[in-house]
Amino acid sequence: MKQRPIKQLALLLMPALLSGCAVFGGLRGPTPAPKAEPIAAPILAPIASPSVQPVAAPMPPAVSASVELPPVQPTAQPSPTPPKPQINIPAPPANLGLIAVASASADVKGVTVILGIRNKSTRPVTFRYTPQVNWGSCELPPLVALMRSDGRSVTAPSTGGRIGCTEILLTRTLAPGDTLTLKRILPPLTLGSYRLTAWLDAESAGMPLRVQAESVALVVR
């Protein structure tokens, strides 16, 4: 008798239990973490390792092809004619300290020429001279030149042959203040007025030396 009411009670409570189970069944426990799906790794392009690019050396400028030129022949320059050595003949008074004074006179026998050479320096002067062909004869100094008053040169009379002077070297030394007197006689001249120049050509210390006097007037009557 007692079992039946329990059964009936169970039947009566069954729907409520079932609905409760349905309610409780709708309640879920802690939601499990969603299973993480494997994330596909992004496909990355291979990153090239930074390679050091060699720095290109600056290119030298292009060398143009050299054109082979024929060698330039130097223009032959005419060699200058060396100047002829000039002999510096000191005019009186010479730098050696020699001076000359001339005088001339004429008569029927001829013309007498006197040349005086004086040493005005403070030291001795040595020179040497030789006979030369002058005024038509081979004479020792003084050497002379004659000119007419109108400027025409007077030519020495011809001897009719070649004159050869003997090789005589005369050496003289003039102390300070000394005078050397040279004398010469020329052939007679025609009447007229002349200018006469006398000088000495010599050599001193290996150098040519000329001591010339001022020209003097000469009148032949």
N, C-alpha and C. Protein backbone atom coordinates (compact mmCIF):
# COMPACT_ATOMS: atom_id res chain seq x y z
N MET A 1 0.81 -1.18 0.00
CA MET A 1 0.00 0.00 0.00
C MET A 1 0.84 1.22 0.00
N LYS A 2 1.91 1.14 0.72
CA LYS A 2 2.85 2.26 0.77
C LYS A 2 3.65 2.44 -0.47
N GLN A 3 4.00 1.39 -1.23
CA GLN A 3 4.83 1.48 -2.45
C GLN A 3 4.09 2.21 -3.54
N ARG A 4 2.78 2.12 -3.55
CA ARG A 4 2.04 2.73 -4.64
C ARG A 4 2.06 4.21 -4.52
N PRO A 5 1.85 4.76 -3.43
CA PRO A 5 1.92 6.19 -3.41
C PRO A 5 3.29 6.70 -3.76
N ILE A 6 4.34 6.00 -3.42
CA ILE A 6 5.73 6.42 -3.81
C ILE A 6 5.88 6.41 -5.27
N LYS A 7 5.25 5.37 -5.91
CA LYS A 7 5.36 5.24 -7.36
C LYS A 7 4.59 6.38 -7.99
N GLN A 8 3.38 6.60 -7.37
CA GLN A 8 2.58 7.66 -7.96
C GLN A 8 3.26 9.01 -7.75
N LEU A 9 3.87 9.14 -6.56
CA LEU A 9 4.60 10.39 -6.31
C LEU A 9 5.73 10.57 -7.27
N ALA A 10 6.35 9.50 -7.59
CA ALA A 10 7.47 9.57 -8.54
C ALA A 10 7.01 9.94 -9.91
N LEU A 11 5.79 9.39 -10.24
CA LEU A 11 5.29 9.70 -11.56
C LEU A 11 4.90 11.17 -11.64
N LEU A 12 4.32 11.62 -10.45
CA LEU A 12 3.93 13.02 -10.44
C LEU A 12 5.15 13.96 -10.51
N LEU A 13 6.17 13.57 -9.91
CA LEU A 13 7.38 14.42 -9.87
C LEU A 13 8.28 14.27 -11.10
N MET A 14 7.99 13.27 -11.88
CA MET A 14 8.88 12.97 -13.01
C MET A 14 8.96 14.13 -13.99
N PRO A 15 7.82 14.72 -14.39
CA PRO A 15 7.93 15.80 -15.34
C PRO A 15 8.73 16.98 -14.79
N ALA A 16 8.46 17.23 -13.48
CA ALA A 16 9.22 18.36 -12.91
C ALA A 16 10.71 18.08 -12.89
N LEU A 17 11.01 16.83 -12.57
CA LEU A 17 12.46 16.48 -12.57
C LEU A 17 13.05 16.57 -13.95
N LEU A 18 12.22 16.11 -14.91
CA LEU A 18 12.78 16.13 -16.27
C LEU A 18 13.00 17.55 -16.73
N SER A 19 12.03 18.41 -16.40
CA SER A 19 12.23 19.78 -16.82
C SER A 19 13.40 20.42 -16.11
N GLY A 20 13.50 20.00 -14.80
CA GLY A 20 14.67 20.52 -14.06
C GLY A 20 15.96 20.03 -14.66
N CYS A 21 15.94 18.81 -15.04
CA CYS A 21 17.18 18.28 -15.68
C CYS A 21 17.45 19.03 -16.97
N ALA A 22 16.27 19.33 -17.62
CA ALA A 22 16.49 20.06 -18.89
C ALA A 22 17.10 21.42 -18.61
N VAL A 23 16.59 22.03 -17.48
CA VAL A 23 17.13 23.35 -17.14
C VAL A 23 18.57 23.24 -16.74
N PHE A 24 18.78 22.29 -15.85
CA PHE A 24 20.17 22.13 -15.42
C PHE A 24 21.05 21.65 -16.53
N GLY A 25 20.41 20.90 -17.39
CA GLY A 25 21.24 20.44 -18.51
C GLY A 25 21.63 21.58 -19.40
N GLY A 26 20.82 22.67 -19.41
CA GLY A 26 21.22 23.80 -20.26
C GLY A 26 22.32 24.62 -19.66
N LEU A 27 22.55 24.45 -18.38
CA LEU A 27 23.64 25.15 -17.75
C LEU A 27 24.93 24.43 -18.01
N ARG A 28 25.86 25.12 -18.54
CA ARG A 28 27.15 24.50 -18.85
C ARG A 28 28.14 24.89 -17.80
N GLY A 29 29.05 24.10 -17.62
CA GLY A 29 30.11 24.39 -16.69
C GLY A 29 31.04 25.40 -17.30
N PRO A 30 32.19 25.63 -16.69
CA PRO A 30 33.16 26.57 -17.23
C PRO A 30 33.51 26.22 -18.66
N THR A 31 33.31 27.23 -19.43
CA THR A 31 33.57 26.99 -20.86
C THR A 31 35.05 26.74 -21.07
N PRO A 32 35.32 25.60 -21.59
CA PRO A 32 36.75 25.33 -21.84
C PRO A 32 37.28 26.31 -22.89
N ALA A 33 38.47 26.70 -22.65
CA ALA A 33 39.10 27.64 -23.60
C ALA A 33 39.08 27.04 -24.97
N PRO A 34 38.62 27.83 -25.86
CA PRO A 34 38.59 27.28 -27.22
C PRO A 34 39.96 26.80 -27.64
N LYS A 35 39.85 25.70 -28.18
CA LYS A 35 41.10 25.09 -28.62
C LYS A 35 41.71 25.96 -29.71
N ALA A 36 42.83 26.48 -29.34
CA ALA A 36 43.49 27.37 -30.33
C ALA A 36 43.92 26.60 -31.52
N GLU A 37 43.39 27.09 -32.57
CA GLU A 37 43.81 26.43 -33.81
C GLU A 37 45.21 26.92 -34.18
N PRO A 38 45.92 26.02 -34.64
CA PRO A 38 47.31 26.41 -34.99
C PRO A 38 47.30 27.54 -36.04
N ILE A 39 47.98 28.59 -35.65
CA ILE A 39 48.08 29.74 -36.57
C ILE A 39 49.17 29.44 -37.59
N ALA A 40 48.69 29.49 -38.75
CA ALA A 40 49.67 29.20 -39.81
C ALA A 40 50.70 30.32 -39.85
N ALA A 41 51.90 29.91 -39.79
CA ALA A 41 52.99 30.90 -39.84
C ALA A 41 52.95 31.60 -41.19
N PRO A 42 53.01 32.95 -41.12
CA PRO A 42 52.98 33.66 -42.42
C PRO A 42 54.19 33.29 -43.25
N ILE A 43 53.88 33.16 -44.47
CA ILE A 43 54.97 32.81 -45.39
C ILE A 43 55.73 34.09 -45.69
N LEU A 44 56.87 34.14 -45.16
CA LEU A 44 57.71 35.32 -45.36
C LEU A 44 58.72 35.04 -46.46
N ALA A 45 58.90 36.06 -47.25
CA ALA A 45 59.93 35.92 -48.30
C ALA A 45 61.28 35.89 -47.63
N PRO A 46 62.15 35.10 -48.10
CA PRO A 46 63.47 35.03 -47.45
C PRO A 46 64.15 36.40 -47.53
N ILE A 47 64.50 36.86 -46.33
CA ILE A 47 65.19 38.16 -46.25
C ILE A 47 66.66 37.93 -46.52
N ALA A 48 67.05 38.56 -47.58
CA ALA A 48 68.48 38.40 -47.95
C ALA A 48 69.32 39.10 -46.92
N SER A 49 70.31 38.37 -46.51
CA SER A 49 71.23 38.99 -45.55
C SER A 49 71.86 40.21 -46.19
N PRO A 50 71.93 41.28 -45.38
CA PRO A 50 72.50 42.51 -45.98
C PRO A 50 73.93 42.29 -46.40
N SER A 51 74.10 42.15 -47.67
CA SER A 51 75.47 41.94 -48.18
C SER A 51 76.08 43.29 -48.50
N VAL A 52 77.32 43.44 -48.18
CA VAL A 52 78.04 44.69 -48.43
C VAL A 52 78.43 44.71 -49.90
N GLN A 53 77.82 45.64 -50.58
CA GLN A 53 78.17 45.78 -52.00
C GLN A 53 79.50 46.50 -52.14
N PRO A 54 80.42 45.96 -52.89
CA PRO A 54 81.72 46.65 -53.06
C PRO A 54 81.51 47.99 -53.76
N VAL A 55 82.17 49.02 -53.19
CA VAL A 55 82.08 50.35 -53.78
C VAL A 55 82.97 50.39 -55.01
N ALA A 56 82.36 50.67 -56.09
CA ALA A 56 83.13 50.68 -57.34
C ALA A 56 84.10 51.85 -57.35
N ALA A 57 85.35 51.56 -57.67
CA ALA A 57 86.35 52.63 -57.76
C ALA A 57 85.98 53.55 -58.91
N PRO A 58 86.25 54.85 -58.73
CA PRO A 58 85.92 55.78 -59.83
C PRO A 58 86.66 55.40 -61.09
N MET A 59 85.90 55.35 -62.12
CA MET A 59 86.49 54.97 -63.40
C MET A 59 87.38 56.09 -63.91
N PRO A 60 88.59 55.78 -64.29
CA PRO A 60 89.45 56.83 -64.86
C PRO A 60 88.85 57.31 -66.17
N PRO A 61 89.10 58.58 -66.46
CA PRO A 61 88.56 59.09 -67.73
C PRO A 61 89.12 58.31 -68.89
N ALA A 62 88.24 58.10 -69.79
CA ALA A 62 88.65 57.32 -70.95
C ALA A 62 89.78 58.01 -71.67
N VAL A 63 90.81 57.26 -71.91
CA VAL A 63 91.98 57.81 -72.61
C VAL A 63 91.73 57.70 -74.09
N SER A 64 91.73 58.86 -74.67
CA SER A 64 91.51 58.83 -76.12
C SER A 64 92.73 58.21 -76.78
N ALA A 65 92.46 57.54 -77.78
CA ALA A 65 93.57 56.88 -78.49
C ALA A 65 94.55 57.92 -78.97
N SER A 66 95.81 57.80 -78.52
CA SER A 66 96.82 58.78 -78.90
C SER A 66 97.16 58.62 -80.37
N VAL A 67 97.24 59.74 -81.00
CA VAL A 67 97.59 59.72 -82.41
C VAL A 67 99.10 59.88 -82.53
N GLU A 68 99.70 58.97 -83.15
CA GLU A 68 101.15 58.99 -83.32
C GLU A 68 101.50 60.05 -84.35
N LEU A 69 102.13 61.13 -83.88
CA LEU A 69 102.51 62.19 -84.79
C LEU A 69 103.97 62.04 -85.18
N PRO A 70 104.29 62.40 -86.36
CA PRO A 70 105.72 62.34 -86.74
C PRO A 70 106.51 63.33 -85.93
N PRO A 71 107.71 62.98 -85.55
CA PRO A 71 108.51 63.93 -84.76
C PRO A 71 108.70 65.23 -85.51
N VAL A 72 108.56 66.30 -84.73
CA VAL A 72 108.72 67.63 -85.32
C VAL A 72 110.21 67.92 -85.47
N GLN A 73 110.57 68.15 -86.67
CA GLN A 73 111.97 68.46 -86.92
C GLN A 73 112.22 69.92 -86.60
N PRO A 74 113.14 70.21 -85.69
CA PRO A 74 113.39 71.61 -85.36
C PRO A 74 113.89 72.37 -86.58
N THR A 75 113.31 73.54 -86.72
CA THR A 75 113.72 74.37 -87.84
C THR A 75 115.16 74.81 -87.64
N ALA A 76 115.92 74.50 -88.62
CA ALA A 76 117.35 74.83 -88.51
C ALA A 76 117.51 76.34 -88.50
N GLN A 77 117.96 76.83 -87.39
CA GLN A 77 118.20 78.25 -87.28
C GLN A 77 119.63 78.55 -87.74
N PRO A 78 119.75 79.52 -88.56
CA PRO A 78 121.13 79.84 -88.99
C PRO A 78 121.95 80.29 -87.81
N SER A 79 123.06 79.62 -87.66
CA SER A 79 123.92 79.97 -86.53
C SER A 79 124.42 81.39 -86.70
N PRO A 80 124.24 82.16 -85.64
CA PRO A 80 124.67 83.55 -85.77
C PRO A 80 126.17 83.65 -85.99
N THR A 81 126.52 84.52 -86.86
CA THR A 81 127.93 84.72 -87.14
C THR A 81 128.59 85.37 -85.93
N PRO A 82 129.56 84.67 -85.34
CA PRO A 82 130.19 85.27 -84.17
C PRO A 82 130.84 86.59 -84.52
N PRO A 83 130.61 87.55 -83.69
CA PRO A 83 131.21 88.85 -84.00
C PRO A 83 132.72 88.77 -83.98
N LYS A 84 133.30 89.52 -84.86
CA LYS A 84 134.75 89.54 -84.91
C LYS A 84 135.29 90.22 -83.66
N PRO A 85 136.30 89.62 -83.09
CA PRO A 85 136.85 90.27 -81.88
C PRO A 85 137.34 91.67 -82.19
N GLN A 86 136.90 92.57 -81.40
CA GLN A 86 137.30 93.95 -81.58
C GLN A 86 138.43 94.29 -80.63
N ILE A 87 139.39 94.91 -81.17
CA ILE A 87 140.53 95.33 -80.35
C ILE A 87 140.24 96.71 -79.81
N ASN A 88 140.17 96.78 -78.52
CA ASN A 88 139.91 98.07 -77.90
C ASN A 88 141.21 98.85 -77.80
N ILE A 89 141.38 99.74 -78.74
CA ILE A 89 142.60 100.53 -78.77
C ILE A 89 142.36 101.80 -77.97
N PRO A 90 143.03 101.96 -76.88
CA PRO A 90 142.76 103.14 -76.06
C PRO A 90 143.18 104.41 -76.76
N ALA A 91 142.32 105.40 -76.67
CA ALA A 91 142.66 106.70 -77.23
C ALA A 91 143.46 107.47 -76.20
N PRO A 92 144.33 108.33 -76.66
CA PRO A 92 145.15 109.08 -75.70
C PRO A 92 144.29 110.06 -74.91
N PRO A 93 144.52 110.25 -73.63
CA PRO A 93 145.54 109.52 -72.88
C PRO A 93 145.12 108.08 -72.61
N ALA A 94 146.03 107.14 -72.87
CA ALA A 94 145.74 105.73 -72.69
C ALA A 94 145.59 105.40 -71.22
N ASN A 95 144.87 104.29 -70.98
CA ASN A 95 144.69 103.90 -69.59
C ASN A 95 145.98 103.42 -68.95
N LEU A 96 147.01 103.26 -69.77
CA LEU A 96 148.31 102.92 -69.20
C LEU A 96 149.06 104.17 -68.73
N GLY A 97 148.49 105.30 -69.00
CA GLY A 97 149.12 106.54 -68.55
C GLY A 97 150.08 107.13 -69.54
N LEU A 98 150.04 106.67 -70.81
CA LEU A 98 150.93 107.21 -71.83
C LEU A 98 150.19 108.27 -72.64
N ILE A 99 150.86 109.37 -72.92
CA ILE A 99 150.31 110.40 -73.79
C ILE A 99 151.32 110.70 -74.88
N ALA A 100 150.81 111.25 -75.99
CA ALA A 100 151.69 111.54 -77.12
C ALA A 100 151.46 112.96 -77.60
N VAL A 101 152.54 113.59 -78.01
CA VAL A 101 152.51 114.94 -78.58
C VAL A 101 153.33 114.92 -79.86
N ALA A 102 152.79 115.46 -80.97
CA ALA A 102 153.47 115.43 -82.26
C ALA A 102 153.80 116.84 -82.73
N SER A 103 154.80 116.90 -83.57
CA SER A 103 155.17 118.15 -84.24
C SER A 103 155.70 117.80 -85.63
N ALA A 104 155.56 118.70 -86.57
CA ALA A 104 156.02 118.45 -87.95
C ALA A 104 156.51 119.75 -88.56
N SER A 105 157.54 119.63 -89.40
CA SER A 105 158.09 120.79 -90.12
C SER A 105 158.52 120.33 -91.50
N ALA A 106 158.49 121.24 -92.48
CA ALA A 106 158.83 120.89 -93.87
C ALA A 106 159.91 121.82 -94.40
N ASP A 107 160.81 121.29 -95.21
CA ASP A 107 161.82 122.05 -95.94
C ASP A 107 162.07 121.36 -97.27
N VAL A 108 163.14 121.77 -97.93
CA VAL A 108 163.42 121.20 -99.24
C VAL A 108 163.83 119.73 -99.16
N LYS A 109 164.30 119.33 -98.04
CA LYS A 109 164.76 117.94 -97.89
C LYS A 109 163.60 116.98 -97.60
N GLY A 110 162.54 117.51 -97.03
CA GLY A 110 161.43 116.63 -96.70
C GLY A 110 160.65 117.16 -95.51
N VAL A 111 159.92 116.26 -94.92
CA VAL A 111 159.08 116.60 -93.75
C VAL A 111 159.62 115.85 -92.55
N THR A 112 159.93 116.62 -91.53
CA THR A 112 160.42 116.00 -90.30
C THR A 112 159.26 115.89 -89.30
N VAL A 113 159.08 114.65 -88.80
CA VAL A 113 157.99 114.37 -87.85
C VAL A 113 158.62 113.91 -86.53
N ILE A 114 158.19 114.53 -85.46
CA ILE A 114 158.67 114.13 -84.13
C ILE A 114 157.47 113.78 -83.26
N LEU A 115 157.56 112.62 -82.62
CA LEU A 115 156.49 112.16 -81.72
C LEU A 115 157.10 111.91 -80.35
N GLY A 116 156.60 112.62 -79.37
CA GLY A 116 157.07 112.42 -78.01
C GLY A 116 156.03 111.66 -77.21
N ILE A 117 156.45 110.55 -76.54
CA ILE A 117 155.55 109.72 -75.73
C ILE A 117 156.00 109.82 -74.28
N ARG A 118 155.11 110.21 -73.43
CA ARG A 118 155.45 110.43 -72.02
C ARG A 118 154.58 109.56 -71.13
N ASN A 119 155.23 109.04 -70.07
CA ASN A 119 154.52 108.22 -69.09
C ASN A 119 154.07 109.12 -67.94
N LYS A 120 152.77 109.37 -67.87
CA LYS A 120 152.23 110.21 -66.81
C LYS A 120 151.66 109.41 -65.65
N SER A 121 151.81 108.09 -65.70
CA SER A 121 151.29 107.27 -64.61
C SER A 121 152.30 107.20 -63.47
N THR A 122 151.95 106.50 -62.43
CA THR A 122 152.84 106.37 -61.26
C THR A 122 153.58 105.05 -61.24
N ARG A 123 153.54 104.32 -62.33
CA ARG A 123 154.26 103.05 -62.38
C ARG A 123 154.91 102.90 -63.75
N PRO A 124 155.94 102.08 -63.86
CA PRO A 124 156.61 101.91 -65.15
C PRO A 124 155.69 101.23 -66.17
N VAL A 125 155.89 101.58 -67.41
CA VAL A 125 155.13 100.98 -68.51
C VAL A 125 156.13 100.42 -69.51
N THR A 126 155.98 99.12 -69.80
CA THR A 126 156.88 98.45 -70.75
C THR A 126 156.09 98.09 -72.00
N PHE A 127 156.63 98.34 -73.15
CA PHE A 127 155.98 98.00 -74.43
C PHE A 127 157.07 97.69 -75.44
N ARG A 128 156.66 97.05 -76.53
CA ARG A 128 157.60 96.75 -77.61
C ARG A 128 156.92 97.05 -78.95
N TYR A 129 157.71 97.39 -79.95
CA TYR A 129 157.19 97.72 -81.26
C TYR A 129 158.17 97.23 -82.31
N THR A 130 157.70 97.18 -83.55
CA THR A 130 158.50 96.68 -84.67
C THR A 130 158.39 97.65 -85.84
N PRO A 131 159.33 97.59 -86.78
CA PRO A 131 159.22 98.42 -87.98
C PRO A 131 157.99 97.99 -88.80
N GLN A 132 157.33 98.94 -89.43
CA GLN A 132 156.16 98.67 -90.26
C GLN A 132 156.27 99.45 -91.55
N VAL A 133 155.57 98.93 -92.58
CA VAL A 133 155.50 99.65 -93.85
C VAL A 133 154.50 100.79 -93.67
N ASN A 134 155.02 101.99 -93.73
CA ASN A 134 154.15 103.15 -93.55
C ASN A 134 154.73 104.31 -94.35
N TRP A 135 153.88 104.97 -95.05
CA TRP A 135 154.25 106.09 -95.89
C TRP A 135 155.36 105.72 -96.88
N GLY A 136 155.17 104.54 -97.47
CA GLY A 136 156.04 104.13 -98.57
C GLY A 136 157.39 103.57 -98.18
N SER A 137 157.63 103.32 -96.90
CA SER A 137 158.94 102.77 -96.53
C SER A 137 158.78 101.95 -95.25
N CYS A 138 159.79 101.14 -95.01
CA CYS A 138 159.80 100.31 -93.80
C CYS A 138 160.56 101.08 -92.73
N GLU A 139 159.82 101.68 -91.86
CA GLU A 139 160.42 102.56 -90.87
C GLU A 139 159.95 102.20 -89.47
N LEU A 140 160.69 102.65 -88.51
CA LEU A 140 160.26 102.54 -87.12
C LEU A 140 159.26 103.67 -86.85
N PRO A 141 158.51 103.57 -85.79
CA PRO A 141 157.57 104.66 -85.48
C PRO A 141 158.34 105.96 -85.34
N PRO A 142 157.66 107.09 -85.51
CA PRO A 142 156.18 107.17 -85.53
C PRO A 142 155.56 106.84 -86.88
N LEU A 143 154.36 106.28 -86.84
CA LEU A 143 153.57 106.08 -88.04
C LEU A 143 152.79 107.37 -88.30
N VAL A 144 152.61 107.68 -89.59
CA VAL A 144 152.00 108.97 -89.92
C VAL A 144 150.91 108.80 -90.98
N ALA A 145 150.03 109.78 -91.01
CA ALA A 145 149.00 109.89 -92.05
C ALA A 145 148.87 111.36 -92.39
N LEU A 146 148.74 111.66 -93.69
CA LEU A 146 148.65 113.05 -94.16
C LEU A 146 147.33 113.27 -94.89
N MET A 147 146.79 114.45 -94.73
CA MET A 147 145.55 114.82 -95.38
C MET A 147 145.64 116.28 -95.81
N ARG A 148 145.16 116.57 -97.03
CA ARG A 148 145.15 117.94 -97.51
C ARG A 148 144.07 118.75 -96.79
N SER A 149 144.17 120.05 -96.95
CA SER A 149 143.22 120.91 -96.26
C SER A 149 141.79 120.70 -96.75
N ASP A 150 141.61 120.19 -97.98
CA ASP A 150 140.27 119.93 -98.50
C ASP A 150 139.73 118.56 -98.10
N GLY A 151 140.48 117.80 -97.29
CA GLY A 151 140.01 116.50 -96.78
C GLY A 151 140.48 115.32 -97.57
N ARG A 152 141.24 115.50 -98.67
CA ARG A 152 141.71 114.36 -99.45
C ARG A 152 142.97 113.78 -98.83
N SER A 153 143.02 112.44 -98.80
CA SER A 153 144.20 111.78 -98.24
C SER A 153 145.37 111.89 -99.21
N VAL A 154 146.54 111.96 -98.62
CA VAL A 154 147.77 112.04 -99.42
C VAL A 154 148.38 110.65 -99.45
N THR A 155 148.58 110.16 -100.70
CA THR A 155 149.14 108.83 -100.86
C THR A 155 150.66 108.90 -100.88
N ALA A 156 151.28 107.95 -100.20
CA ALA A 156 152.75 107.93 -100.17
C ALA A 156 153.30 107.60 -101.54
N PRO A 157 154.46 108.10 -101.89
CA PRO A 157 155.07 107.77 -103.17
C PRO A 157 155.37 106.28 -103.25
N SER A 158 155.18 105.72 -104.43
CA SER A 158 155.41 104.30 -104.62
C SER A 158 156.91 104.02 -104.74
N THR A 159 157.32 102.91 -104.17
CA THR A 159 158.73 102.52 -104.22
C THR A 159 159.00 101.62 -105.41
N GLY A 160 157.94 101.16 -106.10
CA GLY A 160 158.14 100.31 -107.27
C GLY A 160 158.38 98.85 -106.93
N GLY A 161 158.22 98.43 -105.71
CA GLY A 161 158.43 97.02 -105.35
C GLY A 161 157.87 96.74 -103.96
N ARG A 162 157.91 95.47 -103.64
CA ARG A 162 157.39 95.07 -102.33
C ARG A 162 158.45 95.31 -101.27
N ILE A 163 157.99 95.87 -100.17
CA ILE A 163 158.92 96.17 -99.08
C ILE A 163 158.74 95.14 -97.97
N GLY A 164 159.82 94.56 -97.54
CA GLY A 164 159.78 93.62 -96.42
C GLY A 164 160.56 94.19 -95.24
N CYS A 165 159.84 94.39 -94.15
CA CYS A 165 160.51 94.94 -92.97
C CYS A 165 161.23 93.83 -92.22
N THR A 166 162.38 94.16 -91.70
CA THR A 166 163.12 93.19 -90.89
C THR A 166 162.38 92.98 -89.57
N GLU A 167 162.47 91.79 -89.03
CA GLU A 167 161.79 91.45 -87.79
C GLU A 167 162.62 91.96 -86.61
N ILE A 168 162.51 93.24 -86.38
CA ILE A 168 163.22 93.85 -85.26
C ILE A 168 162.19 94.20 -84.18
N LEU A 169 162.37 93.65 -83.00
CA LEU A 169 161.49 93.96 -81.87
C LEU A 169 162.24 94.89 -80.93
N LEU A 170 161.68 96.04 -80.74
CA LEU A 170 162.30 97.02 -79.85
C LEU A 170 161.44 97.13 -78.60
N THR A 171 162.06 96.93 -77.46
CA THR A 171 161.34 97.00 -76.19
C THR A 171 161.81 98.23 -75.43
N ARG A 172 160.85 98.95 -74.89
CA ARG A 172 161.15 100.15 -74.10
C ARG A 172 160.37 100.10 -72.80
N THR A 173 160.96 100.62 -71.77
CA THR A 173 160.29 100.78 -70.49
C THR A 173 160.40 102.24 -70.07
N LEU A 174 159.26 102.84 -69.85
CA LEU A 174 159.22 104.24 -69.44
C LEU A 174 158.85 104.31 -67.96
N ALA A 175 159.78 104.87 -67.20
CA ALA A 175 159.48 105.09 -65.78
C ALA A 175 158.48 106.24 -65.67
N PRO A 176 157.84 106.39 -64.51
CA PRO A 176 156.91 107.52 -64.34
C PRO A 176 157.60 108.84 -64.63
N GLY A 177 157.00 109.63 -65.54
CA GLY A 177 157.55 110.92 -65.91
C GLY A 177 158.51 110.90 -67.07
N ASP A 178 158.97 109.72 -67.50
CA ASP A 178 159.92 109.63 -68.62
C ASP A 178 159.22 109.89 -69.96
N THR A 179 160.03 110.33 -70.96
CA THR A 179 159.51 110.61 -72.30
C THR A 179 160.38 109.91 -73.33
N LEU A 180 159.76 109.26 -74.30
CA LEU A 180 160.45 108.64 -75.42
C LEU A 180 160.18 109.49 -76.66
N THR A 181 161.27 109.91 -77.33
CA THR A 181 161.13 110.76 -78.52
C THR A 181 161.43 109.95 -79.77
N LEU A 182 160.48 109.91 -80.69
CA LEU A 182 160.62 109.18 -81.95
C LEU A 182 160.63 110.20 -83.09
N LYS A 183 161.57 109.98 -84.05
CA LYS A 183 161.73 110.94 -85.15
C LYS A 183 161.69 110.22 -86.48
N ARG A 184 161.11 110.87 -87.49
CA ARG A 184 161.02 110.28 -88.82
C ARG A 184 161.00 111.40 -89.86
N ILE A 185 161.62 111.11 -91.02
CA ILE A 185 161.68 112.08 -92.12
C ILE A 185 160.93 111.51 -93.33
N LEU A 186 159.97 112.28 -93.81
CA LEU A 186 159.16 111.89 -94.97
C LEU A 186 159.71 112.58 -96.23
N PRO A 187 159.41 112.03 -97.40
CA PRO A 187 159.82 112.69 -98.65
C PRO A 187 159.20 114.08 -98.78
N PRO A 188 159.79 114.94 -99.61
CA PRO A 188 159.22 116.29 -99.81
C PRO A 188 157.79 116.23 -100.32
N LEU A 189 156.99 117.23 -99.94
CA LEU A 189 155.59 117.33 -100.37
C LEU A 189 155.43 118.54 -101.29
N THR A 190 154.41 118.51 -102.11
CA THR A 190 154.09 119.67 -102.94
C THR A 190 153.57 120.81 -102.07
N LEU A 191 153.63 121.98 -102.63
CA LEU A 191 153.20 123.13 -101.84
C LEU A 191 151.73 123.00 -101.45
N GLY A 192 151.45 123.44 -100.25
CA GLY A 192 150.07 123.40 -99.79
C GLY A 192 149.98 123.26 -98.29
N SER A 193 148.74 123.19 -97.83
CA SER A 193 148.47 123.02 -96.38
C SER A 193 148.00 121.59 -96.12
N TYR A 194 148.47 121.05 -95.01
CA TYR A 194 148.18 119.66 -94.67
C TYR A 194 147.82 119.55 -93.19
N ARG A 195 147.23 118.39 -92.88
CA ARG A 195 147.05 117.99 -91.49
C ARG A 195 147.79 116.66 -91.32
N LEU A 196 148.65 116.59 -90.32
CA LEU A 196 149.48 115.40 -90.10
C LEU A 196 149.10 114.76 -88.77
N THR A 197 148.93 113.44 -88.81
CA THR A 197 148.63 112.66 -87.60
C THR A 197 149.74 111.65 -87.40
N ALA A 198 150.24 111.55 -86.16
CA ALA A 198 151.32 110.60 -85.83
C ALA A 198 150.88 109.76 -84.63
N TRP A 199 151.34 108.51 -84.62
CA TRP A 199 150.98 107.61 -83.51
C TRP A 199 152.00 106.49 -83.37
N LEU A 200 151.90 105.78 -82.30
CA LEU A 200 152.75 104.61 -82.01
C LEU A 200 151.84 103.40 -81.84
N ASP A 201 152.11 102.32 -82.61
CA ASP A 201 151.46 101.02 -82.41
C ASP A 201 152.46 100.09 -81.75
N ALA A 202 152.06 99.50 -80.64
CA ALA A 202 152.96 98.62 -79.90
C ALA A 202 152.15 97.54 -79.21
N GLU A 203 152.84 96.82 -78.36
CA GLU A 203 152.20 95.74 -77.59
C GLU A 203 152.68 95.86 -76.15
N SER A 204 151.73 95.74 -75.24
CA SER A 204 152.07 95.83 -73.82
C SER A 204 151.26 94.80 -73.06
N ALA A 205 151.97 93.95 -72.30
CA ALA A 205 151.33 92.89 -71.51
C ALA A 205 150.46 92.00 -72.39
N GLY A 206 150.92 91.73 -73.62
CA GLY A 206 150.19 90.84 -74.52
C GLY A 206 148.99 91.48 -75.19
N MET A 207 148.76 92.76 -74.99
CA MET A 207 147.62 93.46 -75.59
C MET A 207 148.12 94.55 -76.51
N PRO A 208 147.38 94.77 -77.65
CA PRO A 208 147.81 95.84 -78.56
C PRO A 208 147.63 97.20 -77.89
N LEU A 209 148.48 98.10 -78.22
CA LEU A 209 148.48 99.43 -77.61
C LEU A 209 148.73 100.46 -78.70
N ARG A 210 147.89 101.46 -78.73
CA ARG A 210 148.11 102.58 -79.65
C ARG A 210 148.11 103.86 -78.83
N VAL A 211 149.15 104.65 -79.05
CA VAL A 211 149.27 105.97 -78.43
C VAL A 211 149.33 106.97 -79.56
N GLN A 212 148.27 107.76 -79.68
CA GLN A 212 148.14 108.66 -80.83
C GLN A 212 148.07 110.10 -80.36
N ALA A 213 148.76 110.95 -81.10
CA ALA A 213 148.76 112.38 -80.79
C ALA A 213 147.68 113.08 -81.60
N GLU A 214 147.29 114.24 -81.18
CA GLU A 214 146.35 115.05 -81.93
C GLU A 214 147.03 115.52 -83.24
N SER A 215 146.22 115.64 -84.28
CA SER A 215 146.79 116.04 -85.57
C SER A 215 147.31 117.48 -85.49
N VAL A 216 148.32 117.74 -86.26
CA VAL A 216 148.95 119.07 -86.27
C VAL A 216 148.91 119.63 -87.69
N ALA A 217 148.96 120.95 -87.78
CA ALA A 217 148.96 121.60 -89.10
C ALA A 217 150.37 121.59 -89.68
N LEU A 218 150.42 121.43 -90.99
CA LEU A 218 151.70 121.45 -91.69
C LEU A 218 151.53 122.27 -92.99
N VAL A 219 152.39 123.25 -93.14
CA VAL A 219 152.34 124.10 -94.33
C VAL A 219 153.65 123.94 -95.09
N VAL A 220 153.56 123.60 -96.36
CA VAL A 220 154.75 123.46 -97.22
C VAL A 220 154.75 124.65 -98.17
N ARG A 221 155.79 125.47 -98.11
CA ARG A 221 155.90 126.65 -98.96
C ARG A 221 156.99 126.45 -100.02
